[in-house]
C-alpha atoms as a PDB file:
ATOM      1  CA  MET A   1       0.056   0.147  -0.007  1.00  0.00           C
ATOM      2  CA  SER A   2       1.165   3.485  -0.618  1.00  0.00           C
ATOM      3  CA  THR A   3       1.356   6.261   1.183  1.00  0.00           C
ATOM      4  CA  ILE A   4       0.363   9.984   0.114  1.00  0.00           C
ATOM      5  CA  ILE A   5       3.499  12.133   0.242  1.00  0.00           C
ATOM      6  CA  SER A   6       2.675  15.801   1.027  1.00  0.00           C
ATOM      7  CA  ALA A   7       4.070  18.702  -0.379  1.00  0.00           C
ATOM      8  CA  GLN A   8       4.714  19.523   3.362  1.00  0.00           C
ATOM      9  CA  MET A   9       6.763  16.203   4.176  1.00  0.00           C
ATOM     10  CA  VAL A  10       8.912  17.222   1.284  1.00  0.00           C
ATOM     11  CA  HIS A  11       9.733  20.751   2.433  1.00  0.00           C
ATOM     12  CA  GLU A  12      10.636  19.196   5.932  1.00  0.00           C
ATOM     13  CA  LEU A  13      13.172  16.245   4.466  1.00  0.00           C
ATOM     14  CA  ARG A  14      14.516  19.103   2.286  1.00  0.00           C
ATOM     15  CA  THR A  15      14.497  21.729   4.957  1.00  0.00           C
ATOM     16  CA  ALA A  16      16.597  18.805   6.940  1.00  0.00           C
ATOM     17  CA  THR A  17      18.609  17.759   4.768  1.00  0.00           C
ATOM     18  CA  GLY A  18      19.276  20.197   2.689  1.00  0.00           C
ATOM     19  CA  ALA A  19      18.914  17.181  -0.989  1.00  0.00           C
ATOM     20  CA  GLY A  20      16.951  18.107  -3.641  1.00  0.00           C
ATOM     21  CA  LEU A  21      12.901  17.777  -4.070  1.00  0.00           C
ATOM     22  CA  LEU A  22      12.732  15.021  -6.682  1.00  0.00           C
ATOM     23  CA  ASP A  23      15.179  12.994  -4.186  1.00  0.00           C
ATOM     24  CA  CYS A  24      13.343  13.703  -1.152  1.00  0.00           C
ATOM     25  CA  LYS A  25      10.045  12.969  -2.984  1.00  0.00           C
ATOM     26  CA  LYS A  26      11.704   9.673  -4.288  1.00  0.00           C
ATOM     27  CA  ALA A  27      12.963   8.955  -0.668  1.00  0.00           C
ATOM     28  CA  LEU A  28       9.689   9.541   0.883  1.00  0.00           C
ATOM     29  CA  THR A  29       8.121   7.523  -1.472  1.00  0.00           C
ATOM     30  CA  GLU A  30      10.819   4.828  -1.136  1.00  0.00           C
ATOM     31  CA  SER A  31      10.176   4.874   2.812  1.00  0.00           C
ATOM     32  CA  ASN A  32       6.502   4.525   2.498  1.00  0.00           C
ATOM     33  CA  GLY A  33       6.366   8.334   4.283  1.00  0.00           C
ATOM     34  CA  ASP A  34       8.713   7.324   7.113  1.00  0.00           C
ATOM     35  CA  VAL A  35      11.290  10.551   7.341  1.00  0.00           C
ATOM     36  CA  ALA A  36      13.928   8.849   9.552  1.00  0.00           C
ATOM     37  CA  ALA A  37      13.909   5.942   6.738  1.00  0.00           C
ATOM     38  CA  ALA A  38      14.096   8.505   3.891  1.00  0.00           C
ATOM     39  CA  VAL A  39      16.667  10.568   5.504  1.00  0.00           C
ATOM     40  CA  THR A  40      19.162   7.186   5.668  1.00  0.00           C
ATOM     41  CA  ILE A  41      18.051   6.724   1.994  1.00  0.00           C
ATOM     42  CA  LEU A  42      19.168   9.922   1.152  1.00  0.00           C
ATOM     43  CA  ARG A  43      22.346   9.458   2.828  1.00  0.00           C
ATOM     44  CA  LYS A  44      23.356   6.322   0.973  1.00  0.00           C
ATOM     45  CA  LYS A  45      22.076   8.279  -2.093  1.00  0.00           C
ATOM     46  CA  LEU A  46      24.066  11.022  -2.154  1.00  0.00           C
ATOM     47  CA  GLY A  47      26.883   9.676   0.247  1.00  0.00           C
ATOM     48  CA  SER A  48      29.016  12.620   1.107  1.00  0.00           C
ATOM     49  CA  LYS A  49      27.449  15.020  -0.708  1.00  0.00           C
ATOM     50  CA  LEU A  50      24.007  15.375   1.636  1.00  0.00           C
ATOM     51  CA  ASP A  51      26.524  16.161   4.242  1.00  0.00           C
ATOM     52  CA  LYS A  52      27.816  19.371   2.315  1.00  0.00           C
ATOM     53  CA  LEU A  53      24.347  20.453   1.059  1.00  0.00           C
ATOM     54  CA  SER A  54      22.569  20.229   5.183  1.00  0.00           C
ATOM     55  CA  THR A  55      25.572  22.716   5.864  1.00  0.00           C
ATOM     56  CA  ARG A  56      25.551  25.087   3.157  1.00  0.00           C
ATOM     57  CA  ALA A  57      24.063  28.559   3.444  1.00  0.00           C
ATOM     58  CA  THR A  58      23.351  31.118   1.340  1.00  0.00           C
ATOM     59  CA  LYS A  59      25.542  34.310   1.913  1.00  0.00           C
ATOM     60  CA  GLU A  60      24.147  36.371  -0.531  1.00  0.00           C
ATOM     61  CA  GLY A  61      21.536  36.885  -2.413  1.00  0.00           C
ATOM     62  CA  LEU A  62      18.900  40.082  -3.548  1.00  0.00           C
ATOM     63  CA  VAL A  63      14.630  39.286  -4.234  1.00  0.00           C
ATOM     64  CA  GLU A  64      13.079  41.647  -6.183  1.00  0.00           C
ATOM     65  CA  SER A  65       9.291  42.152  -7.384  1.00  0.00           C
ATOM     66  CA  TYR A  66       7.392  43.956  -9.811  1.00  0.00           C
ATOM     67  CA  ILE A  67       3.633  44.285  -9.785  1.00  0.00           C
ATOM     68  CA  HIS A  68       2.266  46.021 -13.212  1.00  0.00           C
ATOM     69  CA  VAL A  69      -0.473  48.671 -13.242  1.00  0.00           C
ATOM     70  CA  GLY A  70      -3.420  47.212 -12.417  1.00  0.00           C
ATOM     71  CA  GLY A  71      -2.175  44.193 -10.341  1.00  0.00           C
ATOM     72  CA  LYS A  72      -2.915  42.008 -12.991  1.00  0.00           C
ATOM     73  CA  VAL A  73       0.519  40.864 -13.360  1.00  0.00           C
ATOM     74  CA  GLY A  74       3.712  40.078 -10.835  1.00  0.00           C
ATOM     75  CA  VAL A  75       6.833  39.085 -10.836  1.00  0.00           C
ATOM     76  CA  LEU A  76       9.747  38.059  -8.465  1.00  0.00           C
ATOM     77  CA  VAL A  77      13.107  37.961  -9.673  1.00  0.00           C
END
């Protein structure tokens, strides 16, 4: 029986490990929604790359927004 994997579960696993979205979803699917087992699967699959990703911090960045006149079109860059 398959467990439904929600976006919230994928987000929590991604926040905890730093792995990519698709990798997190595949690991959760393989572990039937068990987060602890999914972390183990990701560690086996990604190896030392997972440790490097989880400690990486964003040091620089800028987010800009634009809302067009009338408010029907908006952009975040």
